[in-house]
């Protein structure tokens, strides 16, 4: 009985401490940047970080060759163009579910932008993740591409559901 009482008193929503992923000083690619490290972690499959770094380095080399500009700056512009300002969250009120618009924090916006960038790159028809990711980053830096369309779609949905903003999550 005592055990059940302690379980009932526990909070359902735990407050977790945010873990920050810092850029690695031992990176062989030479790109010591927070955004780069986040993208490499999103590319990562089955713990193969060296392969993810190699893919990222080849993408940066292709961006450098095709644009003759700093590839990290192109990546920053692309992520900035993809980063959403608002998103919609489902909120159940009574018997119905509403899509409630909610402002996005900077960290969550960057995370969403990188996720959408990779998903849009994987959906492209070209062959090879390096070519796909390079093309998607270039398109996103110019303001078009699958990830930018996703951002615009979410914004339209949030604008359409502004009437439910008083149900804030």
C-alpha atoms as a PDB file:
ATOM      1  CA  UNK A   1       0.000   0.000   0.000  1.00  0.00           C
ATOM      2  CA  UNK A   2       2.807   2.355   0.879  1.00  0.00           C
ATOM      3  CA  UNK A   3       4.416   1.725  -2.515  1.00  0.00           C
ATOM      4  CA  UNK A   4       1.206   2.541  -4.370  1.00  0.00           C
ATOM      5  CA  UNK A   5       0.835   5.844  -2.514  1.00  0.00           C
ATOM      6  CA  UNK A   6       4.333   6.921  -3.497  1.00  0.00           C
ATOM      7  CA  UNK A   7       3.584   6.040  -7.119  1.00  0.00           C
ATOM      8  CA  UNK A   8       0.389   8.084  -7.036  1.00  0.00           C
ATOM      9  CA  UNK A   9       2.224  11.095  -5.636  1.00  0.00           C
ATOM     10  CA  UNK A  10       4.856  11.071  -8.378  1.00  0.00           C
ATOM     11  CA  UNK A  11       4.548  13.640 -11.106  1.00  0.00           C
ATOM     12  CA  UNK A  12       3.605  12.362 -14.540  1.00  0.00           C
ATOM     13  CA  UNK A  13       5.706  14.952 -16.299  1.00  0.00           C
ATOM     14  CA  UNK A  14       9.326  14.862 -15.237  1.00  0.00           C
ATOM     15  CA  UNK A  15      11.452  17.922 -15.789  1.00  0.00           C
ATOM     16  CA  UNK A  16      14.575  16.773 -17.557  1.00  0.00           C
ATOM     17  CA  UNK A  17      17.766  18.739 -17.673  1.00  0.00           C
ATOM     18  CA  UNK A  18      18.736  19.833 -21.185  1.00  0.00           C
ATOM     19  CA  UNK A  19      21.844  18.072 -22.450  1.00  0.00           C
ATOM     20  CA  UNK A  20      24.045  20.182 -24.695  1.00  0.00           C
ATOM     21  CA  UNK A  21      26.137  18.641 -27.453  1.00  0.00           C
ATOM     22  CA  UNK A  22      29.337  20.629 -27.776  1.00  0.00           C
ATOM     23  CA  UNK A  23      31.526  20.662 -30.893  1.00  0.00           C
ATOM     24  CA  UNK A  24      34.340  18.153 -30.752  1.00  0.00           C
ATOM     25  CA  UNK A  25      37.865  19.445 -30.681  1.00  0.00           C
ATOM     26  CA  UNK A  26      39.180  16.144 -32.081  1.00  0.00           C
ATOM     27  CA  UNK A  27      37.081  16.372 -35.250  1.00  0.00           C
ATOM     28  CA  UNK A  28      39.226  15.387 -38.213  1.00  0.00           C
ATOM     29  CA  UNK A  29      37.035  17.371 -40.626  1.00  0.00           C
ATOM     30  CA  UNK A  30      38.186  20.699 -39.195  1.00  0.00           C
ATOM     31  CA  UNK A  31      34.643  22.019 -38.722  1.00  0.00           C
ATOM     32  CA  UNK A  32      34.379  22.832 -35.012  1.00  0.00           C
ATOM     33  CA  UNK A  33      30.866  24.197 -34.912  1.00  0.00           C
ATOM     34  CA  UNK A  34      27.761  23.478 -32.821  1.00  0.00           C
ATOM     35  CA  UNK A  35      25.456  23.313 -35.868  1.00  0.00           C
ATOM     36  CA  UNK A  36      27.849  20.968 -37.670  1.00  0.00           C
ATOM     37  CA  UNK A  37      27.948  18.643 -34.674  1.00  0.00           C
ATOM     38  CA  UNK A  38      24.148  18.600 -34.464  1.00  0.00           C
ATOM     39  CA  UNK A  39      23.870  17.739 -38.164  1.00  0.00           C
ATOM     40  CA  UNK A  40      26.485  14.970 -37.890  1.00  0.00           C
ATOM     41  CA  UNK A  41      24.500  13.478 -35.002  1.00  0.00           C
ATOM     42  CA  UNK A  42      21.329  13.551 -37.145  1.00  0.00           C
ATOM     43  CA  UNK A  43      23.131  11.811 -40.039  1.00  0.00           C
ATOM     44  CA  UNK A  44      24.434   9.166 -37.621  1.00  0.00           C
ATOM     45  CA  UNK A  45      23.119   5.631 -38.198  1.00  0.00           C
ATOM     46  CA  UNK A  46      23.796   2.651 -35.917  1.00  0.00           C
ATOM     47  CA  UNK A  47      26.537   4.499 -34.012  1.00  0.00           C
ATOM     48  CA  UNK A  48      28.812   4.962 -37.033  1.00  0.00           C
ATOM     49  CA  UNK A  49      29.975   8.486 -36.316  1.00  0.00           C
ATOM     50  CA  UNK A  50      33.076   8.277 -38.513  1.00  0.00           C
ATOM     51  CA  UNK A  51      30.880   7.490 -41.519  1.00  0.00           C
ATOM     52  CA  UNK A  52      28.535  10.363 -40.651  1.00  0.00           C
ATOM     53  CA  UNK A  53      31.510  12.750 -40.403  1.00  0.00           C
ATOM     54  CA  UNK A  54      32.835  11.504 -43.756  1.00  0.00           C
ATOM     55  CA  UNK A  55      29.442  12.084 -45.399  1.00  0.00           C
ATOM     56  CA  UNK A  56      29.259  15.579 -43.924  1.00  0.00           C
ATOM     57  CA  UNK A  57      32.808  16.438 -45.022  1.00  0.00           C
ATOM     58  CA  UNK A  58      32.082  15.321 -48.600  1.00  0.00           C
ATOM     59  CA  UNK A  59      28.875  17.391 -48.609  1.00  0.00           C
ATOM     60  CA  UNK A  60      30.853  20.462 -47.481  1.00  0.00           C
ATOM     61  CA  UNK A  61      33.504  19.857 -50.182  1.00  0.00           C
ATOM     62  CA  UNK A  62      30.787  19.627 -52.862  1.00  0.00           C
ATOM     63  CA  UNK A  63      29.148  22.822 -51.575  1.00  0.00           C
ATOM     64  CA  UNK A  64      32.538  24.579 -51.662  1.00  0.00           C
ATOM     65  CA  UNK A  65      33.210  23.443 -55.233  1.00  0.00           C
ATOM     66  CA  UNK A  66      29.778  24.321 -56.577  1.00  0.00           C
ATOM     67  CA  UNK A  67      29.359  27.750 -54.964  1.00  0.00           C
ATOM     68  CA  UNK A  68      32.939  28.952 -54.271  1.00  0.00           C
ATOM     69  CA  UNK A  69      31.667  30.237 -50.891  1.00  0.00           C
ATOM     70  CA  UNK A  70      32.077  29.147 -47.284  1.00  0.00           C
ATOM     71  CA  UNK A  71      30.023  25.925 -46.962  1.00  0.00           C
ATOM     72  CA  UNK A  72      29.364  26.452 -43.236  1.00  0.00           C
ATOM     73  CA  UNK A  73      27.829  29.841 -44.001  1.00  0.00           C
ATOM     74  CA  UNK A  74      25.632  28.250 -46.702  1.00  0.00           C
ATOM     75  CA  UNK A  75      24.523  25.641 -44.137  1.00  0.00           C
ATOM     76  CA  UNK A  76      23.700  28.386 -41.606  1.00  0.00           C
ATOM     77  CA  UNK A  77      21.611  30.296 -44.155  1.00  0.00           C
ATOM     78  CA  UNK A  78      19.820  27.074 -45.131  1.00  0.00           C
ATOM     79  CA  UNK A  79      19.000  26.199 -41.521  1.00  0.00           C
ATOM     80  CA  UNK A  80      17.867  29.788 -40.890  1.00  0.00           C
ATOM     81  CA  UNK A  81      15.507  29.574 -43.885  1.00  0.00           C
ATOM     82  CA  UNK A  82      14.066  26.276 -42.630  1.00  0.00           C
ATOM     83  CA  UNK A  83      13.759  27.138 -38.913  1.00  0.00           C
ATOM     84  CA  UNK A  84      10.064  27.562 -38.004  1.00  0.00           C
ATOM     85  CA  UNK A  85       8.708  30.340 -35.792  1.00  0.00           C
ATOM     86  CA  UNK A  86       5.468  28.514 -34.906  1.00  0.00           C
ATOM     87  CA  UNK A  87       4.242  24.939 -34.854  1.00  0.00           C
ATOM     88  CA  UNK A  88       0.965  23.225 -34.062  1.00  0.00           C
ATOM     89  CA  UNK A  89       0.431  20.892 -31.119  1.00  0.00           C
ATOM     90  CA  UNK A  90      -2.599  18.689 -30.553  1.00  0.00           C
ATOM     91  CA  UNK A  91      -4.669  19.616 -27.510  1.00  0.00           C
ATOM     92  CA  UNK A  92      -7.624  17.555 -26.386  1.00  0.00           C
ATOM     93  CA  UNK A  93     -10.444  19.673 -24.962  1.00  0.00           C
ATOM     94  CA  UNK A  94     -13.653  17.946 -24.040  1.00  0.00           C
ATOM     95  CA  UNK A  95     -14.353  15.379 -26.712  1.00  0.00           C
ATOM     96  CA  UNK A  96     -12.489  16.994 -29.596  1.00  0.00           C
ATOM     97  CA  UNK A  97      -8.853  17.550 -30.499  1.00  0.00           C
ATOM     98  CA  UNK A  98      -7.630  20.974 -31.620  1.00  0.00           C
ATOM     99  CA  UNK A  99      -4.454  21.898 -33.449  1.00  0.00           C
ATOM    100  CA  UNK A 100      -3.158  24.722 -31.250  1.00  0.00           C
ATOM    101  CA  UNK A 101      -0.453  27.054 -32.639  1.00  0.00           C
ATOM    102  CA  UNK A 102       2.569  27.445 -30.379  1.00  0.00           C
ATOM    103  CA  UNK A 103       5.755  29.498 -30.652  1.00  0.00           C
ATOM    104  CA  UNK A 104       8.941  27.497 -31.134  1.00  0.00           C
ATOM    105  CA  UNK A 105      12.062  28.057 -29.040  1.00  0.00           C
ATOM    106  CA  UNK A 106      15.359  28.602 -30.838  1.00  0.00           C
ATOM    107  CA  UNK A 107      16.754  25.178 -29.875  1.00  0.00           C
ATOM    108  CA  UNK A 108      13.604  23.316 -30.918  1.00  0.00           C
ATOM    109  CA  UNK A 109      13.465  25.324 -34.159  1.00  0.00           C
ATOM    110  CA  UNK A 110      17.032  24.347 -35.043  1.00  0.00           C
ATOM    111  CA  UNK A 111      16.335  20.703 -34.213  1.00  0.00           C
ATOM    112  CA  UNK A 112      13.203  20.707 -36.387  1.00  0.00           C
ATOM    113  CA  UNK A 113      15.080  22.436 -39.206  1.00  0.00           C
ATOM    114  CA  UNK A 114      17.840  19.816 -39.227  1.00  0.00           C
ATOM    115  CA  UNK A 115      15.312  16.969 -39.057  1.00  0.00           C
ATOM    116  CA  UNK A 116      13.302  18.409 -41.963  1.00  0.00           C
ATOM    117  CA  UNK A 117      16.499  19.058 -43.952  1.00  0.00           C
ATOM    118  CA  UNK A 118      17.587  15.422 -43.680  1.00  0.00           C
ATOM    119  CA  UNK A 119      14.095  14.032 -44.357  1.00  0.00           C
ATOM    120  CA  UNK A 120      13.719  16.240 -47.438  1.00  0.00           C
ATOM    121  CA  UNK A 121      17.189  15.216 -48.637  1.00  0.00           C
ATOM    122  CA  UNK A 122      16.350  11.520 -48.234  1.00  0.00           C
ATOM    123  CA  UNK A 123      13.129  12.004 -50.210  1.00  0.00           C
ATOM    124  CA  UNK A 124      14.947  13.511 -53.205  1.00  0.00           C
ATOM    125  CA  UNK A 125      15.179  11.400 -56.383  1.00  0.00           C
ATOM    126  CA  UNK A 126      18.968  11.695 -56.868  1.00  0.00           C
ATOM    127  CA  UNK A 127      21.329   8.825 -56.087  1.00  0.00           C
ATOM    128  CA  UNK A 128      23.530   8.901 -52.990  1.00  0.00           C
ATOM    129  CA  UNK A 129      23.009  10.739 -49.721  1.00  0.00           C
ATOM    130  CA  UNK A 130      25.924  13.099 -50.426  1.00  0.00           C
ATOM    131  CA  UNK A 131      24.376  14.429 -53.653  1.00  0.00           C
ATOM    132  CA  UNK A 132      20.896  14.560 -52.086  1.00  0.00           C
ATOM    133  CA  UNK A 133      22.059  16.460 -48.990  1.00  0.00           C
ATOM    134  CA  UNK A 134      24.182  18.881 -51.032  1.00  0.00           C
ATOM    135  CA  UNK A 135      21.240  19.672 -53.330  1.00  0.00           C
ATOM    136  CA  UNK A 136      18.834  20.130 -50.430  1.00  0.00           C
ATOM    137  CA  UNK A 137      21.203  22.470 -48.560  1.00  0.00           C
ATOM    138  CA  UNK A 138      21.710  24.541 -51.719  1.00  0.00           C
ATOM    139  CA  UNK A 139      17.955  24.705 -52.356  1.00  0.00           C
ATOM    140  CA  UNK A 140      17.203  25.610 -48.743  1.00  0.00           C
ATOM    141  CA  UNK A 141      19.832  28.362 -48.747  1.00  0.00           C
ATOM    142  CA  UNK A 142      18.094  29.857 -51.796  1.00  0.00           C
ATOM    143  CA  UNK A 143      14.670  29.640 -50.124  1.00  0.00           C
ATOM    144  CA  UNK A 144      13.128  26.636 -51.869  1.00  0.00           C
ATOM    145  CA  UNK A 145      13.251  22.859 -51.516  1.00  0.00           C
ATOM    146  CA  UNK A 146      11.356  20.241 -49.575  1.00  0.00           C
ATOM    147  CA  UNK A 147      12.364  21.429 -46.107  1.00  0.00           C
ATOM    148  CA  UNK A 148      11.319  25.040 -46.800  1.00  0.00           C
ATOM    149  CA  UNK A 149       7.979  23.763 -48.144  1.00  0.00           C
ATOM    150  CA  UNK A 150       7.508  21.828 -44.890  1.00  0.00           C
ATOM    151  CA  UNK A 151       8.117  25.022 -42.887  1.00  0.00           C
ATOM    152  CA  UNK A 152       5.597  26.944 -45.001  1.00  0.00           C
ATOM    153  CA  UNK A 153       3.047  24.144 -44.635  1.00  0.00           C
ATOM    154  CA  UNK A 154       3.372  24.204 -40.826  1.00  0.00           C
ATOM    155  CA  UNK A 155       3.066  28.011 -40.827  1.00  0.00           C
ATOM    156  CA  UNK A 156      -0.105  27.855 -42.952  1.00  0.00           C
ATOM    157  CA  UNK A 157      -1.568  25.274 -40.580  1.00  0.00           C
ATOM    158  CA  UNK A 158      -0.745  27.491 -37.573  1.00  0.00           C
ATOM    159  CA  UNK A 159      -2.319  30.525 -39.278  1.00  0.00           C
ATOM    160  CA  UNK A 160      -5.463  28.544 -40.097  1.00  0.00           C
ATOM    161  CA  UNK A 161      -5.813  27.447 -36.463  1.00  0.00           C
ATOM    162  CA  UNK A 162      -5.188  30.827 -34.794  1.00  0.00           C
ATOM    163  CA  UNK A 163      -8.729  30.726 -33.449  1.00  0.00           C
ATOM    164  CA  UNK A 164      -7.655  27.945 -31.061  1.00  0.00           C
ATOM    165  CA  UNK A 165      -4.627  29.801 -29.677  1.00  0.00           C
ATOM    166  CA  UNK A 166      -6.424  30.414 -26.371  1.00  0.00           C
ATOM    167  CA  UNK A 167      -6.046  26.652 -25.691  1.00  0.00           C
ATOM    168  CA  UNK A 168      -2.239  27.103 -25.401  1.00  0.00           C
ATOM    169  CA  UNK A 169      -0.373  23.896 -24.550  1.00  0.00           C
END
